[in-house]
Amino acid sequence: MIKERLGVLTDEVSDNLVEALDWCAEQGLKHVEIRVVDGTNVIDLTDERLSRVRREVEARGMYISAIASPVFKCALDPSRPVASGDTFGQKEESVEAHYGKLHRAIEIVKLLGTRRIRVFSFWREHDPLAYEEQIVEHLQAAAAIAAKHDALLLLENETSCNGGSAKEVGRYVSRVDSPALRALWDPGNEACGGRPAFPEGYGEVRNTLAHVHLKDAYMDENGKARCVPIGSGNVPYVDQLRALEADGYTGLYTIETHHIPPGGTKMDGTRLSLEALRRLLATHFS
């Protein structure tokens, strides 16, 4: 059942790890993803702090499903103008430095008891197609490194990156053609890019995905993306979830709402999405 595979990114609940984990346990969630812990990006955590994170998670009856790393959120060539996006405390660094982050991410998932590492496809070029060979070569190299350590790289569709759409991510993953690199499908990110997430976007990644993030969004009258609680944006979640289950998806679902209600907190926003998702599941997936 879907509800048995639900988790959340901890810093979408609170910047304070213990507060976030207490809330997740109260909600009966099964797993958490780690991105930022008490203000520090997961990639910068010491082994000692990582061991503490795992103890705190497992003490509450949950497990760590993945790390939301910043690997390859960087420019292919800093001399070219590119888009940029959320870095979660990371400074701009070279591609070579990000290979160092990849090696560290592999060490981290071993310490945390998982094998899943979220990665990206470099800051978006003015014409991503012009640099596709270079992008694919780096992803192939990264997948080869991950495969040696039984790690799984999850390439997310992120509007600020070259793999900004489901179509682009699906093509990159297919071209790399490695079991160590699969797609991380975020239908809300597709909606943030002004594209239909289902069935069009999903159709581009359905044969390559291994992980799913859940958020909802719409484009406002000024063409700006607005993240909202699940079920109140442009993603047809009933149809999307039915399709995933019918297609035999047995992986995990992680809420990453990106929504803070006016006058509220991140915890409030995540609660709204979790409650809405549970109502949807109770009505359509009982």
C-alpha atoms as a PDB file:
ATOM      1  CA  MET A   1       0.000   0.000   0.000  1.00  0.00           C
ATOM      2  CA  ILE A   2       1.140   3.521  -0.746  1.00  0.00           C
ATOM      3  CA  LYS A   3       0.720   4.734   2.817  1.00  0.00           C
ATOM      4  CA  GLU A   4       3.246   2.137   3.999  1.00  0.00           C
ATOM      5  CA  ARG A   5       5.860   3.634   1.646  1.00  0.00           C
ATOM      6  CA  LEU A   6       5.433   7.283   2.608  1.00  0.00           C
ATOM      7  CA  GLY A   7       8.220   9.456   3.945  1.00  0.00           C
ATOM      8  CA  VAL A   8       9.363  13.059   4.012  1.00  0.00           C
ATOM      9  CA  LEU A   9      12.451  15.211   3.659  1.00  0.00           C
ATOM     10  CA  THR A  10      13.223  16.176   7.246  1.00  0.00           C
ATOM     11  CA  ASP A  11      14.098  19.814   6.564  1.00  0.00           C
ATOM     12  CA  GLU A  12      10.719  20.248   4.845  1.00  0.00           C
ATOM     13  CA  VAL A  13       9.332  19.812   8.372  1.00  0.00           C
ATOM     14  CA  SER A  14      11.900  21.637  10.476  1.00  0.00           C
ATOM     15  CA  ASP A  15      15.527  22.729  10.313  1.00  0.00           C
ATOM     16  CA  ASN A  16      15.893  21.047  13.698  1.00  0.00           C
ATOM     17  CA  LEU A  17      16.439  17.337  13.143  1.00  0.00           C
ATOM     18  CA  VAL A  18      15.009  16.121  16.446  1.00  0.00           C
ATOM     19  CA  GLU A  19      11.885  18.248  16.048  1.00  0.00           C
ATOM     20  CA  ALA A  20      11.413  16.983  12.497  1.00  0.00           C
ATOM     21  CA  LEU A  21      11.898  13.340  13.463  1.00  0.00           C
ATOM     22  CA  ASP A  22       9.527  13.581  16.427  1.00  0.00           C
ATOM     23  CA  TRP A  23       6.862  14.958  14.099  1.00  0.00           C
ATOM     24  CA  CYS A  24       7.493  12.256  11.481  1.00  0.00           C
ATOM     25  CA  ALA A  25       7.193   9.540  14.116  1.00  0.00           C
ATOM     26  CA  GLU A  26       3.952  11.046  15.419  1.00  0.00           C
ATOM     27  CA  GLN A  27       2.591  10.964  11.889  1.00  0.00           C
ATOM     28  CA  GLY A  28       3.474   7.300  11.469  1.00  0.00           C
ATOM     29  CA  LEU A  29       5.802   7.885   8.533  1.00  0.00           C
ATOM     30  CA  LYS A  30       8.073   5.015   7.585  1.00  0.00           C
ATOM     31  CA  HIS A  31      11.171   6.696   6.217  1.00  0.00           C
ATOM     32  CA  VAL A  32      12.951  10.021   5.866  1.00  0.00           C
ATOM     33  CA  GLU A  33      15.291  11.579   3.346  1.00  0.00           C
ATOM     34  CA  ILE A  34      18.160  13.701   4.556  1.00  0.00           C
ATOM     35  CA  ARG A  35      19.143  16.988   2.884  1.00  0.00           C
ATOM     36  CA  VAL A  36      19.953  19.552   5.596  1.00  0.00           C
ATOM     37  CA  VAL A  37      20.490  18.760   9.283  1.00  0.00           C
ATOM     38  CA  ASP A  38      20.431  21.604  11.800  1.00  0.00           C
ATOM     39  CA  GLY A  39      21.524  24.027   9.105  1.00  0.00           C
ATOM     40  CA  THR A  40      24.252  21.865   7.567  1.00  0.00           C
ATOM     41  CA  ASN A  41      23.984  20.222   4.160  1.00  0.00           C
ATOM     42  CA  VAL A  42      24.169  16.433   4.394  1.00  0.00           C
ATOM     43  CA  ILE A  43      27.261  16.379   2.190  1.00  0.00           C
ATOM     44  CA  ASP A  44      29.146  18.422   4.830  1.00  0.00           C
ATOM     45  CA  LEU A  45      28.211  16.336   7.875  1.00  0.00           C
ATOM     46  CA  THR A  46      30.988  14.569   9.732  1.00  0.00           C
ATOM     47  CA  ASP A  47      30.902  10.819  10.258  1.00  0.00           C
ATOM     48  CA  GLU A  48      30.107  11.435  13.926  1.00  0.00           C
ATOM     49  CA  ARG A  49      27.085  13.599  13.106  1.00  0.00           C
ATOM     50  CA  LEU A  50      25.918  11.132  10.478  1.00  0.00           C
ATOM     51  CA  SER A  51      26.032   8.321  13.018  1.00  0.00           C
ATOM     52  CA  ARG A  52      23.907  10.443  15.332  1.00  0.00           C
ATOM     53  CA  VAL A  53      21.405  11.100  12.550  1.00  0.00           C
ATOM     54  CA  ARG A  54      21.009   7.385  11.907  1.00  0.00           C
ATOM     55  CA  ARG A  55      20.604   6.622  15.619  1.00  0.00           C
ATOM     56  CA  GLU A  56      17.948   9.318  16.002  1.00  0.00           C
ATOM     57  CA  VAL A  57      16.007   8.044  12.988  1.00  0.00           C
ATOM     58  CA  GLU A  58      16.146   4.377  13.935  1.00  0.00           C
ATOM     59  CA  ALA A  59      15.274   5.125  17.574  1.00  0.00           C
ATOM     60  CA  ARG A  60      11.895   6.338  16.304  1.00  0.00           C
ATOM     61  CA  GLY A  61      11.212   3.221  14.270  1.00  0.00           C
ATOM     62  CA  MET A  62      12.017   4.748  10.876  1.00  0.00           C
ATOM     63  CA  TYR A  63      14.795   4.325   8.348  1.00  0.00           C
ATOM     64  CA  ILE A  64      16.736   6.616   6.019  1.00  0.00           C
ATOM     65  CA  SER A  65      15.647   6.050   2.440  1.00  0.00           C
ATOM     66  CA  ALA A  66      17.968   8.434   0.597  1.00  0.00           C
ATOM     67  CA  ILE A  67      20.153  11.484   0.801  1.00  0.00           C
ATOM     68  CA  ALA A  68      19.125  14.534  -1.211  1.00  0.00           C
ATOM     69  CA  SER A  69      22.639  15.477  -2.209  1.00  0.00           C
ATOM     70  CA  PRO A  70      23.699  18.558  -4.202  1.00  0.00           C
ATOM     71  CA  VAL A  71      25.876  16.502  -6.576  1.00  0.00           C
ATOM     72  CA  PHE A  72      26.136  18.151 -10.024  1.00  0.00           C
ATOM     73  CA  LYS A  73      24.259  21.291  -9.041  1.00  0.00           C
ATOM     74  CA  CYS A  74      27.035  23.265 -10.666  1.00  0.00           C
ATOM     75  CA  ALA A  75      27.974  24.821 -14.002  1.00  0.00           C
ATOM     76  CA  LEU A  76      29.544  22.672 -16.685  1.00  0.00           C
ATOM     77  CA  ASP A  77      31.610  25.722 -17.617  1.00  0.00           C
ATOM     78  CA  PRO A  78      31.627  28.731 -15.253  1.00  0.00           C
ATOM     79  CA  SER A  79      32.522  31.022 -18.143  1.00  0.00           C
ATOM     80  CA  ARG A  80      29.053  30.528 -19.672  1.00  0.00           C
ATOM     81  CA  PRO A  81      25.887  32.130 -18.291  1.00  0.00           C
ATOM     82  CA  VAL A  82      23.584  29.446 -16.874  1.00  0.00           C
ATOM     83  CA  ALA A  83      20.495  29.200 -14.718  1.00  0.00           C
ATOM     84  CA  SER A  84      20.814  28.440 -11.021  1.00  0.00           C
ATOM     85  CA  GLY A  85      18.544  27.279  -8.229  1.00  0.00           C
ATOM     86  CA  ASP A  86      18.402  26.213  -4.606  1.00  0.00           C
ATOM     87  CA  THR A  87      21.782  25.139  -3.260  1.00  0.00           C
ATOM     88  CA  PHE A  88      20.865  24.492   0.396  1.00  0.00           C
ATOM     89  CA  GLY A  89      24.010  26.013   1.798  1.00  0.00           C
ATOM     90  CA  GLN A  90      26.418  24.955  -0.934  1.00  0.00           C
ATOM     91  CA  LYS A  91      28.711  27.421  -2.680  1.00  0.00           C
ATOM     92  CA  GLU A  92      29.323  27.269  -6.424  1.00  0.00           C
ATOM     93  CA  GLU A  93      32.130  24.799  -7.157  1.00  0.00           C
ATOM     94  CA  SER A  94      33.716  23.121 -10.163  1.00  0.00           C
ATOM     95  CA  VAL A  95      32.608  19.894 -11.793  1.00  0.00           C
ATOM     96  CA  GLU A  96      35.770  18.263 -10.430  1.00  0.00           C
ATOM     97  CA  ALA A  97      34.800  19.302  -6.905  1.00  0.00           C
ATOM     98  CA  HIS A  98      31.408  17.708  -7.430  1.00  0.00           C
ATOM     99  CA  TYR A  99      33.035  14.394  -8.224  1.00  0.00           C
ATOM    100  CA  GLY A 100      34.542  14.739  -4.756  1.00  0.00           C
ATOM    101  CA  LYS A 101      31.030  15.310  -3.422  1.00  0.00           C
ATOM    102  CA  LEU A 102      29.883  12.172  -5.219  1.00  0.00           C
ATOM    103  CA  HIS A 103      32.570  10.078  -3.526  1.00  0.00           C
ATOM    104  CA  ARG A 104      31.615  11.588  -0.180  1.00  0.00           C
ATOM    105  CA  ALA A 105      27.927  10.924  -0.863  1.00  0.00           C
ATOM    106  CA  ILE A 106      28.738   7.262  -1.415  1.00  0.00           C
ATOM    107  CA  GLU A 107      30.518   7.133   1.935  1.00  0.00           C
ATOM    108  CA  ILE A 108      27.556   8.865   3.549  1.00  0.00           C
ATOM    109  CA  VAL A 109      24.877   6.470   2.315  1.00  0.00           C
ATOM    110  CA  LYS A 110      26.912   3.539   3.586  1.00  0.00           C
ATOM    111  CA  LEU A 111      27.001   5.154   7.024  1.00  0.00           C
ATOM    112  CA  LEU A 112      23.274   5.872   6.914  1.00  0.00           C
ATOM    113  CA  GLY A 113      22.205   2.418   5.794  1.00  0.00           C
ATOM    114  CA  THR A 114      20.868   3.301   2.371  1.00  0.00           C
ATOM    115  CA  ARG A 115      22.147   3.328  -1.210  1.00  0.00           C
ATOM    116  CA  ARG A 116      20.054   6.083  -2.819  1.00  0.00           C
ATOM    117  CA  ILE A 117      21.682   9.403  -3.748  1.00  0.00           C
ATOM    118  CA  ARG A 118      19.759  12.192  -5.425  1.00  0.00           C
ATOM    119  CA  VAL A 119      21.817  13.914  -8.139  1.00  0.00           C
ATOM    120  CA  PHE A 120      21.320  16.564 -10.804  1.00  0.00           C
ATOM    121  CA  SER A 121      22.331  17.382 -14.381  1.00  0.00           C
ATOM    122  CA  PHE A 122      24.270  20.673 -13.991  1.00  0.00           C
ATOM    123  CA  TRP A 123      22.873  24.202 -14.051  1.00  0.00           C
ATOM    124  CA  ARG A 124      20.726  24.729 -17.099  1.00  0.00           C
ATOM    125  CA  GLU A 125      22.455  25.924 -20.245  1.00  0.00           C
ATOM    126  CA  HIS A 126      20.803  28.333 -22.677  1.00  0.00           C
ATOM    127  CA  ASP A 127      20.718  25.395 -25.109  1.00  0.00           C
ATOM    128  CA  PRO A 128      21.031  22.091 -23.201  1.00  0.00           C
ATOM    129  CA  LEU A 129      20.981  20.063 -26.403  1.00  0.00           C
ATOM    130  CA  ALA A 130      24.246  21.657 -27.462  1.00  0.00           C
ATOM    131  CA  TYR A 131      25.958  20.139 -24.406  1.00  0.00           C
ATOM    132  CA  GLU A 132      24.080  16.864 -24.126  1.00  0.00           C
ATOM    133  CA  GLU A 133      27.052  14.671 -25.016  1.00  0.00           C
ATOM    134  CA  GLN A 134      29.086  16.245 -22.233  1.00  0.00           C
ATOM    135  CA  ILE A 135      26.225  15.912 -19.750  1.00  0.00           C
ATOM    136  CA  VAL A 136      25.704  12.246 -20.602  1.00  0.00           C
ATOM    137  CA  GLU A 137      29.431  11.523 -20.378  1.00  0.00           C
ATOM    138  CA  HIS A 138      29.551  12.915 -16.836  1.00  0.00           C
ATOM    139  CA  LEU A 139      26.453  10.971 -15.815  1.00  0.00           C
ATOM    140  CA  GLN A 140      27.970   7.804 -17.283  1.00  0.00           C
ATOM    141  CA  ALA A 141      31.161   8.372 -15.311  1.00  0.00           C
ATOM    142  CA  ALA A 142      29.181   9.016 -12.135  1.00  0.00           C
ATOM    143  CA  ALA A 143      27.091   5.881 -12.659  1.00  0.00           C
ATOM    144  CA  ALA A 144      30.240   3.813 -13.148  1.00  0.00           C
ATOM    145  CA  ILE A 145      31.607   5.112  -9.836  1.00  0.00           C
ATOM    146  CA  ALA A 146      28.317   4.417  -8.056  1.00  0.00           C
ATOM    147  CA  ALA A 147      28.068   0.909  -9.498  1.00  0.00           C
ATOM    148  CA  LYS A 148      31.404  -0.052  -7.945  1.00  0.00           C
ATOM    149  CA  HIS A 149      29.928   0.702  -4.523  1.00  0.00           C
ATOM    150  CA  ASP A 150      26.376  -0.630  -5.061  1.00  0.00           C
ATOM    151  CA  ALA A 151      25.036   2.928  -4.821  1.00  0.00           C
ATOM    152  CA  LEU A 152      21.993   4.105  -6.764  1.00  0.00           C
ATOM    153  CA  LEU A 153      21.990   7.587  -8.302  1.00  0.00           C
ATOM    154  CA  LEU A 154      18.574   9.215  -8.703  1.00  0.00           C
ATOM    155  CA  LEU A 155      18.434  11.931 -11.359  1.00  0.00           C
ATOM    156  CA  GLU A 156      15.711  14.444 -10.526  1.00  0.00           C
ATOM    157  CA  ASN A 157      13.789  16.575 -12.993  1.00  0.00           C
ATOM    158  CA  GLU A 158      14.719  20.052 -11.754  1.00  0.00           C
ATOM    159  CA  THR A 159      13.770  23.149 -13.732  1.00  0.00           C
ATOM    160  CA  SER A 160      17.036  24.959 -12.971  1.00  0.00           C
ATOM    161  CA  CYS A 161      19.087  22.073 -14.395  1.00  0.00           C
ATOM    162  CA  ASN A 162      19.635  20.634 -17.862  1.00  0.00           C
ATOM    163  CA  GLY A 163      17.390  17.739 -16.946  1.00  0.00           C
ATOM    164  CA  GLY A 164      14.626  20.215 -16.291  1.00  0.00           C
ATOM    165  CA  SER A 165      11.803  18.165 -17.734  1.00  0.00           C
ATOM    166  CA  ALA A 166      10.724  14.561 -17.570  1.00  0.00           C
ATOM    167  CA  LYS A 167      11.562  14.225 -21.256  1.00  0.00           C
ATOM    168  CA  GLU A 168      15.144  15.376 -20.695  1.00  0.00           C
ATOM    169  CA  VAL A 169      15.707  13.225 -17.618  1.00  0.00           C
ATOM    170  CA  GLY A 170      14.197  10.179 -19.289  1.00  0.00           C
ATOM    171  CA  ARG A 171      16.479  10.659 -22.274  1.00  0.00           C
ATOM    172  CA  TYR A 172      19.621  11.129 -20.140  1.00  0.00           C
ATOM    173  CA  VAL A 173      18.896   8.019 -18.066  1.00  0.00           C
ATOM    174  CA  SER A 174      18.134   5.960 -21.163  1.00  0.00           C
ATOM    175  CA  ARG A 175      21.337   7.088 -22.841  1.00  0.00           C
ATOM    176  CA  VAL A 176      23.485   6.311 -19.802  1.00  0.00           C
ATOM    177  CA  ASP A 177      21.804   2.900 -19.662  1.00  0.00           C
ATOM    178  CA  SER A 178      23.120   1.857 -16.254  1.00  0.00           C
ATOM    179  CA  PRO A 179      21.276   0.218 -13.356  1.00  0.00           C
ATOM    180  CA  ALA A 180      23.203   2.623 -11.125  1.00  0.00           C
ATOM    181  CA  LEU A 181      21.409   5.678 -12.572  1.00  0.00           C
ATOM    182  CA  ARG A 182      17.625   5.926 -12.551  1.00  0.00           C
ATOM    183  CA  ALA A 183      15.082   8.733 -12.652  1.00  0.00           C
ATOM    184  CA  LEU A 184      13.679  10.482  -9.624  1.00  0.00           C
ATOM    185  CA  TRP A 185      10.213  11.562 -10.757  1.00  0.00           C
ATOM    186  CA  ASP A 186       8.845  14.753  -9.226  1.00  0.00           C
ATOM    187  CA  PRO A 187       5.504  15.577 -10.884  1.00  0.00           C
ATOM    188  CA  GLY A 188       5.322  18.830  -8.917  1.00  0.00           C
ATOM    189  CA  ASN A 189       8.574  20.010 -10.462  1.00  0.00           C
ATOM    190  CA  GLU A 190       7.107  19.305 -13.886  1.00  0.00           C
ATOM    191  CA  ALA A 191       4.138  21.498 -12.978  1.00  0.00           C
ATOM    192  CA  CYS A 192       6.553  24.173 -11.720  1.00  0.00           C
ATOM    193  CA  GLY A 193       7.987  24.248 -15.225  1.00  0.00           C
ATOM    194  CA  GLY A 194       4.545  24.825 -16.711  1.00  0.00           C
ATOM    195  CA  ARG A 195       4.363  21.342 -18.231  1.00  0.00           C
ATOM    196  CA  PRO A 196       1.654  18.689 -17.763  1.00  0.00           C
ATOM    197  CA  ALA A 197       2.925  16.133 -15.282  1.00  0.00           C
ATOM    198  CA  PHE A 198       0.431  13.418 -16.150  1.00  0.00           C
ATOM    199  CA  PRO A 199       0.116  11.628 -18.422  1.00  0.00           C
ATOM    200  CA  GLU A 200       2.658  13.467 -20.587  1.00  0.00           C
ATOM    201  CA  GLY A 201       5.547  13.923 -18.154  1.00  0.00           C
ATOM    202  CA  TYR A 202       5.105  10.581 -16.468  1.00  0.00           C
ATOM    203  CA  GLY A 203       5.139   8.867 -19.837  1.00  0.00           C
ATOM    204  CA  GLU A 204       8.676  10.137 -20.419  1.00  0.00           C
ATOM    205  CA  VAL A 205      10.101   8.578 -17.224  1.00  0.00           C
ATOM    206  CA  ARG A 206       7.815   5.645 -16.437  1.00  0.00           C
ATOM    207  CA  ASN A 207      10.315   3.084 -17.727  1.00  0.00           C
ATOM    208  CA  THR A 208      13.353   4.611 -16.022  1.00  0.00           C
ATOM    209  CA  LEU A 209      12.211   5.746 -12.571  1.00  0.00           C
ATOM    210  CA  ALA A 210      13.175   4.325  -9.188  1.00  0.00           C
ATOM    211  CA  HIS A 211      11.966   6.980  -6.742  1.00  0.00           C
ATOM    212  CA  VAL A 212       9.153   9.532  -6.455  1.00  0.00           C
ATOM    213  CA  HIS A 213       8.915  12.931  -4.768  1.00  0.00           C
ATOM    214  CA  LEU A 214       5.476  14.346  -4.058  1.00  0.00           C
ATOM    215  CA  LYS A 215       4.609  18.020  -4.340  1.00  0.00           C
ATOM    216  CA  ASP A 216       1.944  20.029  -6.141  1.00  0.00           C
ATOM    217  CA  ALA A 217       2.149  23.342  -7.952  1.00  0.00           C
ATOM    218  CA  TYR A 218       0.633  25.632 -10.544  1.00  0.00           C
ATOM    219  CA  MET A 219       1.717  28.627 -12.613  1.00  0.00           C
ATOM    220  CA  ASP A 220       0.130  31.907 -11.520  1.00  0.00           C
ATOM    221  CA  GLU A 221      -1.077  34.691 -13.812  1.00  0.00           C
ATOM    222  CA  ASN A 222       2.443  36.144 -13.892  1.00  0.00           C
ATOM    223  CA  GLY A 223       3.987  32.877 -15.006  1.00  0.00           C
ATOM    224  CA  LYS A 224       5.528  32.167 -11.599  1.00  0.00           C
ATOM    225  CA  ALA A 225       5.458  28.691 -10.099  1.00  0.00           C
ATOM    226  CA  ARG A 226       3.515  28.351  -6.861  1.00  0.00           C
ATOM    227  CA  CYS A 227       3.865  25.274  -4.667  1.00  0.00           C
ATOM    228  CA  VAL A 228       0.646  24.299  -2.883  1.00  0.00           C
ATOM    229  CA  PRO A 229      -0.616  21.371  -0.800  1.00  0.00           C
ATOM    230  CA  ILE A 230      -1.025  18.114  -2.670  1.00  0.00           C
ATOM    231  CA  GLY A 231      -4.316  18.005  -4.517  1.00  0.00           C
ATOM    232  CA  SER A 232      -4.706  21.750  -4.962  1.00  0.00           C
ATOM    233  CA  GLY A 233      -2.327  22.292  -7.878  1.00  0.00           C
ATOM    234  CA  ASN A 234      -2.088  21.109 -11.468  1.00  0.00           C
ATOM    235  CA  VAL A 235      -0.894  17.557 -10.802  1.00  0.00           C
ATOM    236  CA  PRO A 236      -3.771  15.031 -11.161  1.00  0.00           C
ATOM    237  CA  TYR A 237      -2.554  12.929  -8.270  1.00  0.00           C
ATOM    238  CA  VAL A 238      -5.286  10.309  -8.268  1.00  0.00           C
ATOM    239  CA  ASP A 239      -4.547   9.398 -11.877  1.00  0.00           C
ATOM    240  CA  GLN A 240      -0.782   9.691 -11.352  1.00  0.00           C
ATOM    241  CA  LEU A 241      -0.697   7.408  -8.331  1.00  0.00           C
ATOM    242  CA  ARG A 242      -3.039   4.904  -9.936  1.00  0.00           C
ATOM    243  CA  ALA A 243      -0.764   4.740 -12.965  1.00  0.00           C
ATOM    244  CA  LEU A 244       2.352   4.249 -10.845  1.00  0.00           C
ATOM    245  CA  GLU A 245       0.776   1.391  -8.930  1.00  0.00           C
ATOM    246  CA  ALA A 246      -0.737  -0.191 -12.059  1.00  0.00           C
ATOM    247  CA  ASP A 247       2.653  -0.040 -13.761  1.00  0.00           C
ATOM    248  CA  GLY A 248       4.174  -2.038 -10.925  1.00  0.00           C
ATOM    249  CA  TYR A 249       6.034   0.727  -9.116  1.00  0.00           C
ATOM    250  CA  THR A 250       7.009  -0.696  -5.733  1.00  0.00           C
ATOM    251  CA  GLY A 251       9.394   2.071  -4.661  1.00  0.00           C
ATOM    252  CA  LEU A 252       9.062   4.830  -2.117  1.00  0.00           C
ATOM    253  CA  TYR A 253       7.182   8.118  -2.033  1.00  0.00           C
ATOM    254  CA  THR A 254       8.696  11.166  -0.333  1.00  0.00           C
ATOM    255  CA  ILE A 255       6.760  14.355   0.385  1.00  0.00           C
ATOM    256  CA  GLU A 256       8.733  17.483  -0.522  1.00  0.00           C
ATOM    257  CA  THR A 257       5.978  20.051  -0.424  1.00  0.00           C
ATOM    258  CA  HIS A 258       7.965  23.340  -0.709  1.00  0.00           C
ATOM    259  CA  HIS A 259       4.810  25.028   0.612  1.00  0.00           C
ATOM    260  CA  ILE A 260       4.677  27.326   3.630  1.00  0.00           C
ATOM    261  CA  PRO A 261       1.174  28.703   4.276  1.00  0.00           C
ATOM    262  CA  PRO A 262       0.858  32.443   5.005  1.00  0.00           C
ATOM    263  CA  GLY A 263       1.740  33.024   8.648  1.00  0.00           C
ATOM    264  CA  GLY A 264       2.658  29.362   9.057  1.00  0.00           C
ATOM    265  CA  THR A 265       5.742  27.163   9.158  1.00  0.00           C
ATOM    266  CA  LYS A 266       7.339  24.486   7.034  1.00  0.00           C
ATOM    267  CA  MET A 267       5.820  21.918   9.372  1.00  0.00           C
ATOM    268  CA  ASP A 268       2.378  23.410   8.727  1.00  0.00           C
ATOM    269  CA  GLY A 269       2.911  23.189   4.985  1.00  0.00           C
ATOM    270  CA  THR A 270       4.065  19.597   5.112  1.00  0.00           C
ATOM    271  CA  ARG A 271       1.162  18.687   7.390  1.00  0.00           C
ATOM    272  CA  LEU A 272      -1.304  20.154   4.896  1.00  0.00           C
ATOM    273  CA  SER A 273       0.144  18.037   2.096  1.00  0.00           C
ATOM    274  CA  LEU A 274       0.301  14.884   4.212  1.00  0.00           C
ATOM    275  CA  GLU A 275      -3.295  15.289   5.385  1.00  0.00           C
ATOM    276  CA  ALA A 276      -4.512  15.989   1.852  1.00  0.00           C
ATOM    277  CA  LEU A 277      -2.612  12.981   0.508  1.00  0.00           C
ATOM    278  CA  ARG A 278      -4.058  10.718   3.185  1.00  0.00           C
ATOM    279  CA  ARG A 279      -7.593  11.880   2.366  1.00  0.00           C
ATOM    280  CA  LEU A 280      -6.929  11.153  -1.284  1.00  0.00           C
ATOM    281  CA  LEU A 281      -5.575   7.693  -0.480  1.00  0.00           C
ATOM    282  CA  ALA A 282      -8.497   6.864   1.833  1.00  0.00           C
ATOM    283  CA  THR A 283     -11.007   7.879  -0.848  1.00  0.00           C
ATOM    284  CA  HIS A 284      -9.421   6.347  -3.919  1.00  0.00           C
ATOM    285  CA  PHE A 285      -7.034   3.627  -2.753  1.00  0.00           C
ATOM    286  CA  SER A 286      -8.841   1.863   0.071  1.00  0.00           C
END
